[in-house]
N, C-alpha and C. Protein backbone atom coordinates (compact mmCIF):
# COMPACT_ATOMS: atom_id res chain seq x y z
N MET A 1 -37.18 -55.79 91.14
CA MET A 1 -37.10 -55.60 92.47
C MET A 1 -38.12 -55.90 93.08
N TYR A 2 -38.29 -57.25 93.85
CA TYR A 2 -39.43 -58.00 93.89
C TYR A 2 -39.24 -58.36 95.78
N THR A 3 -40.18 -58.27 96.43
CA THR A 3 -39.97 -58.69 97.83
C THR A 3 -41.03 -59.05 97.90
N ASN A 4 -41.38 -59.73 98.71
CA ASN A 4 -42.54 -60.88 99.30
C ASN A 4 -43.29 -60.33 100.12
N GLN A 5 -43.56 -58.80 100.62
CA GLN A 5 -44.15 -58.05 101.43
C GLN A 5 -45.81 -58.06 101.08
N PRO A 6 -46.68 -58.49 101.89
CA PRO A 6 -48.11 -58.27 100.91
C PRO A 6 -48.60 -57.04 100.80
N ILE A 7 -49.52 -57.20 99.77
CA ILE A 7 -50.28 -55.53 99.79
C ILE A 7 -51.68 -55.69 100.10
N ASN A 8 -52.17 -54.72 100.90
CA ASN A 8 -52.92 -54.77 101.36
C ASN A 8 -54.48 -53.57 100.94
N ASP A 9 -55.53 -53.64 101.14
CA ASP A 9 -56.50 -52.25 100.74
C ASP A 9 -55.85 -51.34 101.34
N GLN A 10 -54.69 -51.22 102.67
CA GLN A 10 -54.94 -49.97 103.13
C GLN A 10 -53.82 -49.27 102.33
N HIS A 11 -53.22 -49.49 101.43
CA HIS A 11 -52.81 -48.81 101.03
C HIS A 11 -53.04 -47.95 99.92
N PHE A 12 -54.51 -48.40 99.51
CA PHE A 12 -55.22 -47.31 98.45
C PHE A 12 -56.28 -46.75 98.63
N LYS A 13 -56.59 -46.77 100.72
CA LYS A 13 -57.36 -45.96 101.00
C LYS A 13 -57.22 -44.42 101.23
N HIS A 14 -55.84 -43.78 100.96
CA HIS A 14 -55.86 -42.77 100.85
C HIS A 14 -55.82 -42.37 99.09
N CYS A 15 -55.80 -42.87 98.49
CA CYS A 15 -56.24 -42.93 97.16
C CYS A 15 -57.82 -42.62 96.70
N GLY A 16 -58.60 -42.32 97.55
CA GLY A 16 -59.86 -42.47 97.46
C GLY A 16 -60.96 -42.94 96.16
N PHE A 17 -61.66 -42.56 94.87
CA PHE A 17 -62.22 -42.74 93.83
C PHE A 17 -61.27 -43.36 92.92
N TRP A 18 -60.22 -42.59 92.32
CA TRP A 18 -59.09 -43.12 91.42
C TRP A 18 -58.65 -44.43 92.10
N GLY A 19 -58.18 -44.76 93.30
CA GLY A 19 -57.63 -45.68 93.74
C GLY A 19 -58.62 -47.08 93.71
N ARG A 20 -59.48 -46.78 94.04
CA ARG A 20 -60.36 -47.69 94.24
C ARG A 20 -60.73 -48.31 92.48
N LYS A 21 -61.13 -47.76 91.55
CA LYS A 21 -61.05 -47.73 90.41
C LYS A 21 -59.75 -48.11 89.85
N PHE A 22 -58.39 -48.20 89.84
CA PHE A 22 -57.26 -48.65 89.25
C PHE A 22 -57.45 -50.14 90.05
N ARG A 23 -57.70 -50.23 91.42
CA ARG A 23 -57.77 -51.80 92.31
C ARG A 23 -58.55 -52.63 91.53
N GLU A 24 -60.28 -51.72 91.14
CA GLU A 24 -60.81 -52.71 91.00
C GLU A 24 -61.10 -53.43 89.92
N GLY A 25 -60.83 -54.50 89.40
CA GLY A 25 -61.00 -54.92 87.79
C GLY A 25 -59.47 -55.42 87.48
N ASN A 26 -58.53 -54.88 87.95
CA ASN A 26 -57.08 -54.81 87.51
C ASN A 26 -56.03 -56.07 88.67
N PRO A 27 -56.02 -57.18 87.78
CA PRO A 27 -55.51 -57.85 89.28
C PRO A 27 -53.54 -58.30 88.85
N TRP A 28 -53.61 -56.33 88.45
CA TRP A 28 -52.05 -56.49 88.30
C TRP A 28 -51.61 -55.21 89.37
N ALA A 29 -53.01 -54.30 89.79
CA ALA A 29 -52.79 -53.20 90.36
C ALA A 29 -51.87 -53.00 92.10
N HIS A 30 -51.70 -54.14 92.56
CA HIS A 30 -51.43 -54.25 93.81
C HIS A 30 -50.09 -54.96 93.40
N LYS A 31 -49.53 -55.73 92.13
CA LYS A 31 -48.15 -55.63 91.87
C LYS A 31 -47.19 -54.17 91.78
N LEU A 32 -48.34 -53.77 90.59
CA LEU A 32 -47.96 -51.92 90.39
C LEU A 32 -48.10 -51.61 91.02
N HIS A 33 -48.79 -50.94 92.33
CA HIS A 33 -48.32 -50.54 93.72
C HIS A 33 -47.01 -51.21 94.89
N GLN A 34 -46.71 -52.30 94.37
CA GLN A 34 -45.57 -52.59 95.45
C GLN A 34 -44.31 -52.30 94.95
N PHE A 35 -44.05 -52.34 93.64
CA PHE A 35 -42.97 -52.00 92.48
C PHE A 35 -43.05 -50.62 92.74
N MET A 36 -44.10 -50.15 92.71
CA MET A 36 -43.49 -48.36 92.89
C MET A 36 -43.08 -48.06 93.97
N SER A 37 -43.61 -48.97 95.17
CA SER A 37 -43.28 -48.12 96.78
C SER A 37 -42.11 -49.05 97.03
N ASP A 38 -41.71 -49.99 96.49
CA ASP A 38 -40.36 -50.75 96.88
C ASP A 38 -39.52 -49.92 95.95
N ARG A 39 -39.81 -49.42 95.19
CA ARG A 39 -38.87 -49.04 94.01
C ARG A 39 -37.62 -48.03 94.64
N LYS A 40 -36.81 -47.61 94.92
CA LYS A 40 -36.08 -46.47 95.44
C LYS A 40 -35.61 -45.78 94.58
N ALA A 41 -35.88 -44.62 94.21
CA ALA A 41 -35.42 -43.49 93.18
C ALA A 41 -33.68 -43.28 92.88
N VAL A 42 -33.12 -43.57 91.68
CA VAL A 42 -31.87 -43.57 91.30
C VAL A 42 -31.55 -42.59 90.53
N ASN A 43 -30.26 -41.97 90.79
CA ASN A 43 -29.54 -41.24 89.67
C ASN A 43 -28.54 -41.42 89.33
N ILE A 44 -27.71 -41.52 88.69
CA ILE A 44 -26.57 -42.06 88.15
C ILE A 44 -25.60 -40.92 87.15
N GLU A 45 -24.97 -40.24 87.55
CA GLU A 45 -24.02 -39.12 87.77
C GLU A 45 -22.64 -39.84 87.23
N GLU A 46 -22.06 -39.36 86.25
CA GLU A 46 -20.77 -39.65 85.10
C GLU A 46 -19.67 -38.61 85.40
N THR A 47 -18.64 -38.51 86.00
CA THR A 47 -18.15 -37.66 86.10
C THR A 47 -16.62 -38.08 85.13
N ASP A 48 -15.68 -37.40 84.90
CA ASP A 48 -14.13 -37.70 84.51
C ASP A 48 -13.92 -39.20 84.36
N THR A 49 -13.44 -39.26 86.19
CA THR A 49 -13.04 -40.39 86.46
C THR A 49 -14.03 -41.38 87.40
N ALA A 50 -15.42 -41.10 87.23
CA ALA A 50 -16.08 -41.99 87.91
C ALA A 50 -17.49 -41.88 87.91
N TYR A 51 -17.95 -42.86 88.06
CA TYR A 51 -19.86 -43.03 88.02
C TYR A 51 -20.18 -42.68 89.22
N ILE A 52 -21.54 -42.26 89.47
CA ILE A 52 -21.67 -41.95 91.22
C ILE A 52 -23.21 -42.12 91.24
N VAL A 53 -23.47 -43.48 91.90
CA VAL A 53 -24.95 -43.83 91.69
C VAL A 53 -25.42 -43.14 93.39
N ALA A 54 -26.63 -42.47 92.58
CA ALA A 54 -27.14 -41.38 94.36
C ALA A 54 -28.50 -41.96 94.43
N LEU A 55 -28.70 -43.09 95.48
CA LEU A 55 -29.53 -43.45 95.61
C LEU A 55 -30.56 -42.88 96.66
N TYR A 56 -32.12 -42.20 96.48
CA TYR A 56 -32.49 -41.81 97.49
C TYR A 56 -33.15 -42.53 98.92
N ALA A 57 -32.83 -42.24 99.89
CA ALA A 57 -33.49 -43.22 100.83
C ALA A 57 -33.33 -42.51 102.20
N ALA A 58 -34.65 -41.73 102.15
CA ALA A 58 -34.31 -40.80 103.54
C ALA A 58 -34.76 -41.72 104.81
N GLY A 59 -34.32 -41.48 105.53
CA GLY A 59 -35.29 -42.29 106.96
C GLY A 59 -34.90 -43.61 107.40
N LEU A 60 -33.94 -44.02 106.48
CA LEU A 60 -32.99 -45.26 106.82
C LEU A 60 -32.10 -45.06 107.51
N LYS A 61 -31.70 -46.26 108.44
CA LYS A 61 -29.75 -46.32 108.87
C LYS A 61 -29.03 -47.28 108.44
N LYS A 62 -28.06 -46.56 108.03
CA LYS A 62 -26.91 -46.45 107.50
C LYS A 62 -26.40 -48.00 107.41
N GLU A 63 -26.45 -48.87 108.78
CA GLU A 63 -25.99 -49.26 108.98
C GLU A 63 -27.01 -51.13 108.92
N HIS A 64 -28.00 -50.43 108.15
CA HIS A 64 -28.42 -51.76 107.55
C HIS A 64 -28.40 -51.72 105.67
N PHE A 65 -27.27 -50.90 105.21
CA PHE A 65 -27.16 -50.95 103.67
C PHE A 65 -26.27 -52.02 103.46
N LYS A 66 -26.78 -53.04 102.93
CA LYS A 66 -25.46 -54.11 102.09
C LYS A 66 -25.24 -53.42 100.87
N ILE A 67 -23.74 -53.60 100.77
CA ILE A 67 -23.75 -53.06 98.70
C ILE A 67 -22.54 -54.07 98.73
N SER A 68 -22.31 -54.93 97.79
CA SER A 68 -21.73 -55.71 96.70
C SER A 68 -21.86 -55.64 95.48
N ILE A 69 -20.44 -56.19 95.10
CA ILE A 69 -20.56 -56.58 93.65
C ILE A 69 -19.72 -57.93 93.96
N ASN A 70 -20.80 -59.07 92.25
CA ASN A 70 -20.30 -60.15 92.27
C ASN A 70 -20.27 -60.24 90.90
N GLU A 71 -19.71 -60.49 89.84
CA GLU A 71 -20.00 -61.08 88.72
C GLU A 71 -20.32 -59.58 87.81
N GLU A 72 -20.02 -58.56 88.18
CA GLU A 72 -19.67 -57.40 87.53
C GLU A 72 -21.57 -56.87 87.66
N VAL A 73 -21.73 -57.23 88.78
CA VAL A 73 -23.17 -56.51 89.11
C VAL A 73 -23.44 -56.00 90.48
N LEU A 74 -23.20 -54.91 90.64
CA LEU A 74 -23.72 -53.80 92.07
C LEU A 74 -24.84 -54.18 92.50
N THR A 75 -25.21 -54.75 93.87
CA THR A 75 -26.08 -54.47 93.93
C THR A 75 -26.16 -54.04 95.44
N ILE A 76 -27.25 -52.98 95.79
CA ILE A 76 -27.36 -52.66 97.01
C ILE A 76 -28.52 -53.00 97.90
N LYS A 77 -28.83 -53.28 99.16
CA LYS A 77 -29.68 -54.23 99.67
C LYS A 77 -29.99 -52.88 100.54
N TYR A 78 -31.60 -53.12 101.47
CA TYR A 78 -31.74 -52.61 102.45
C TYR A 78 -32.62 -53.40 103.00
N ALA A 79 -31.89 -54.27 104.23
CA ALA A 79 -32.36 -55.06 105.53
C ALA A 79 -32.59 -54.57 106.69
N PRO A 80 -33.69 -54.01 107.37
CA PRO A 80 -33.94 -53.51 108.51
C PRO A 80 -34.30 -54.54 109.54
N ASN A 81 -33.47 -54.08 110.81
CA ASN A 81 -33.62 -55.27 111.69
C ASN A 81 -35.86 -55.01 112.10
N GLU A 82 -36.17 -56.45 111.76
CA GLU A 82 -37.79 -56.22 112.16
C GLU A 82 -38.40 -56.60 113.24
N SER A 83 -37.33 -57.38 114.18
CA SER A 83 -37.72 -57.47 115.49
C SER A 83 -38.22 -56.51 116.32
N GLY A 84 -37.83 -55.05 116.26
CA GLY A 84 -38.01 -53.98 117.31
C GLY A 84 -39.43 -53.42 116.58
N ASN A 85 -40.22 -53.44 115.69
CA ASN A 85 -40.77 -52.53 114.91
C ASN A 85 -42.37 -53.51 115.57
N SER A 86 -43.14 -52.44 116.48
CA SER A 86 -44.10 -53.05 116.63
C SER A 86 -45.05 -51.78 116.31
N ALA A 87 -44.59 -50.55 116.01
CA ALA A 87 -46.26 -49.81 115.67
C ALA A 87 -47.20 -50.19 114.74
N GLN A 88 -47.95 -49.53 115.76
CA GLN A 88 -49.59 -49.91 115.22
C GLN A 88 -50.03 -48.68 114.42
N TYR A 89 -49.61 -48.36 112.92
CA TYR A 89 -50.51 -47.45 112.42
C TYR A 89 -51.82 -47.01 111.95
N ILE A 90 -52.09 -45.98 111.94
CA ILE A 90 -53.75 -45.78 111.49
C ILE A 90 -53.94 -45.14 110.10
N TYR A 91 -52.73 -44.59 109.74
CA TYR A 91 -52.17 -44.35 108.62
C TYR A 91 -51.05 -44.08 107.92
N GLN A 92 -50.46 -44.53 106.89
CA GLN A 92 -49.02 -44.82 106.53
C GLN A 92 -48.89 -44.97 105.15
N GLU A 93 -48.15 -44.20 104.21
CA GLU A 93 -48.03 -43.49 103.30
C GLU A 93 -46.29 -44.14 102.78
N TYR A 94 -45.30 -44.49 104.03
CA TYR A 94 -44.47 -45.13 103.61
C TYR A 94 -43.39 -46.19 104.41
N GLN A 95 -42.83 -46.89 104.19
CA GLN A 95 -42.00 -47.72 104.81
C GLN A 95 -41.02 -47.57 104.86
N ALA A 96 -40.34 -47.87 106.14
CA ALA A 96 -38.37 -48.39 105.78
C ALA A 96 -38.20 -49.86 105.70
N GLY A 97 -39.43 -50.58 104.65
CA GLY A 97 -39.00 -51.90 104.48
C GLY A 97 -37.77 -52.56 103.90
N PRO A 98 -37.54 -53.47 103.59
CA PRO A 98 -36.46 -53.79 102.97
C PRO A 98 -36.75 -53.67 101.38
N PHE A 99 -35.59 -53.36 100.19
CA PHE A 99 -35.48 -53.67 98.58
C PHE A 99 -34.26 -53.55 98.43
N GLU A 100 -33.91 -53.93 97.28
CA GLU A 100 -32.94 -53.66 96.57
C GLU A 100 -32.74 -53.51 94.87
N ARG A 101 -31.72 -53.00 94.71
CA ARG A 101 -31.17 -52.83 93.25
C ARG A 101 -29.92 -53.15 92.86
N SER A 102 -30.28 -53.48 91.59
CA SER A 102 -28.31 -54.01 90.70
C SER A 102 -28.49 -53.32 90.02
N PHE A 103 -27.09 -53.15 89.64
CA PHE A 103 -26.92 -52.00 88.26
C PHE A 103 -26.04 -53.26 87.87
N LYS A 104 -25.77 -53.37 86.26
CA LYS A 104 -24.93 -53.76 85.83
C LYS A 104 -23.52 -53.18 85.17
N LEU A 105 -22.39 -53.52 85.82
CA LEU A 105 -20.95 -52.92 85.08
C LEU A 105 -20.03 -52.86 84.65
N ASN A 106 -20.45 -53.74 83.19
CA ASN A 106 -19.89 -54.19 82.43
C ASN A 106 -18.25 -53.59 82.20
N ASN A 107 -17.52 -53.94 83.07
CA ASN A 107 -16.40 -54.15 83.21
C ASN A 107 -15.48 -52.68 82.84
N LYS A 108 -16.79 -51.66 83.08
CA LYS A 108 -15.92 -50.07 83.14
C LYS A 108 -15.58 -49.72 84.45
N VAL A 109 -15.92 -50.49 85.52
CA VAL A 109 -15.48 -49.59 86.78
C VAL A 109 -14.15 -50.86 87.59
N LEU A 110 -13.64 -49.81 88.38
CA LEU A 110 -12.76 -50.63 89.64
C LEU A 110 -13.57 -51.42 90.41
N THR A 111 -13.29 -52.63 90.72
CA THR A 111 -14.44 -52.97 91.55
C THR A 111 -13.59 -53.10 92.93
N ASP A 112 -12.58 -52.98 93.00
CA ASP A 112 -11.85 -52.60 94.66
C ASP A 112 -11.75 -51.70 94.61
N THR A 113 -12.18 -50.62 94.34
CA THR A 113 -12.11 -49.16 95.01
C THR A 113 -13.22 -48.59 94.92
N VAL A 114 -14.46 -49.45 95.14
CA VAL A 114 -15.57 -48.94 95.27
C VAL A 114 -15.67 -48.36 96.89
N SER A 115 -16.56 -46.96 96.81
CA SER A 115 -16.95 -46.47 98.15
C SER A 115 -18.30 -45.78 97.89
N ALA A 116 -18.70 -46.07 99.39
CA ALA A 116 -20.49 -45.44 99.50
C ALA A 116 -20.32 -44.56 101.25
N VAL A 117 -21.35 -43.46 100.91
CA VAL A 117 -21.45 -42.52 101.93
C VAL A 117 -22.36 -42.69 101.92
N TYR A 118 -23.34 -41.98 103.02
CA TYR A 118 -24.92 -41.68 103.13
C TYR A 118 -24.79 -40.84 103.89
N GLU A 119 -25.74 -39.36 103.41
CA GLU A 119 -25.65 -38.25 103.92
C GLU A 119 -27.44 -37.82 103.43
N GLU A 120 -27.73 -37.31 104.55
CA GLU A 120 -28.71 -36.45 104.26
C GLU A 120 -30.01 -37.44 103.73
N GLY A 121 -30.11 -38.62 103.43
CA GLY A 121 -31.22 -39.16 103.03
C GLY A 121 -30.86 -39.96 101.74
N VAL A 122 -29.48 -39.55 101.74
CA VAL A 122 -28.84 -39.89 100.10
C VAL A 122 -27.95 -41.32 100.36
N LEU A 123 -27.85 -42.29 99.53
CA LEU A 123 -26.66 -43.27 99.58
C LEU A 123 -25.82 -42.93 98.15
N LYS A 124 -24.74 -42.41 98.69
CA LYS A 124 -24.26 -42.49 97.38
C LYS A 124 -23.39 -43.27 97.40
N VAL A 125 -22.88 -44.32 96.24
CA VAL A 125 -22.35 -45.40 95.74
C VAL A 125 -20.89 -44.65 94.94
N THR A 126 -19.50 -44.64 94.95
CA THR A 126 -19.06 -43.84 94.07
C THR A 126 -18.02 -45.15 93.37
N LEU A 127 -17.88 -45.18 92.07
CA LEU A 127 -17.49 -46.14 91.27
C LEU A 127 -16.54 -45.65 90.51
N ASN A 128 -15.05 -45.73 90.63
CA ASN A 128 -14.03 -45.25 89.68
C ASN A 128 -14.28 -45.77 88.57
N LYS A 129 -14.12 -45.03 87.85
CA LYS A 129 -13.88 -45.88 86.10
C LYS A 129 -12.24 -46.34 85.94
N ASN A 130 -12.69 -47.92 85.35
CA ASN A 130 -11.46 -48.50 84.70
C ASN A 130 -11.05 -47.65 83.37
N PRO A 131 -9.49 -47.38 83.59
CA PRO A 131 -8.92 -46.23 82.30
C PRO A 131 -8.73 -47.49 80.99
N GLU A 132 -8.77 -48.50 81.22
CA GLU A 132 -8.25 -49.07 80.62
C GLU A 132 -9.67 -49.75 79.43
N THR A 133 -10.81 -50.07 80.15
CA THR A 133 -12.00 -50.27 79.29
C THR A 133 -12.68 -48.52 79.02
N THR A 134 -12.39 -47.50 79.91
CA THR A 134 -13.27 -46.11 79.20
C THR A 134 -12.15 -45.74 78.70
N LYS A 135 -13.32 -45.31 77.03
CA LYS A 135 -13.30 -44.30 76.24
C LYS A 135 -13.32 -43.25 76.09
N PRO A 136 -13.26 -42.27 75.74
CA PRO A 136 -13.19 -40.85 75.87
C PRO A 136 -14.43 -40.94 74.25
N ALA A 137 -15.55 -40.40 74.47
CA ALA A 137 -16.44 -40.02 73.35
C ALA A 137 -15.90 -39.21 72.27
N GLN A 138 -16.94 -39.84 70.97
CA GLN A 138 -16.35 -39.21 69.89
C GLN A 138 -17.30 -38.60 69.41
N GLU A 139 -16.70 -37.54 68.58
CA GLU A 139 -17.36 -36.79 67.84
C GLU A 139 -18.29 -37.00 66.34
N VAL A 140 -19.15 -37.13 66.04
CA VAL A 140 -19.04 -37.44 64.72
C VAL A 140 -20.07 -36.11 64.04
N THR A 141 -19.20 -36.27 63.07
CA THR A 141 -19.19 -34.73 62.43
C THR A 141 -20.86 -34.91 61.52
N VAL A 142 -21.83 -33.98 61.66
CA VAL A 142 -23.11 -34.22 60.51
C VAL A 142 -22.98 -33.68 59.01
N LEU A 143 -23.08 -34.52 57.98
CA LEU A 143 -22.71 -33.90 56.86
C LEU A 143 -23.98 -33.35 56.36
């Protein structure tokens, strides 16, 4: 999950002493902070008939989401229209910037029946299981 957004010292101002110490002398600090701020949290739930990918993305517009499946990889992108954003923040902890998450499907889902809904800040992508490749779990007896 890499984006080309530059990082600057504004991101570390609210961290106080520890933010400065983390940044000073650590060449990877800005990349780690950028990675953590650009990466959206995901829960993956398994039911008897489907996998549900729930991506926490509060405050975003559903029309800017792009969901695709290519070569057994589910990709969720968010690409907002940047042209109208002229806000000058004096303090900023979150951004509604672009991001991308990808998940390998391993031929376990029916790619032609994927559905998605965005409600209350959570994008839920439902992937119906492929009954031909999905096998029930086996129990192993401990001797």
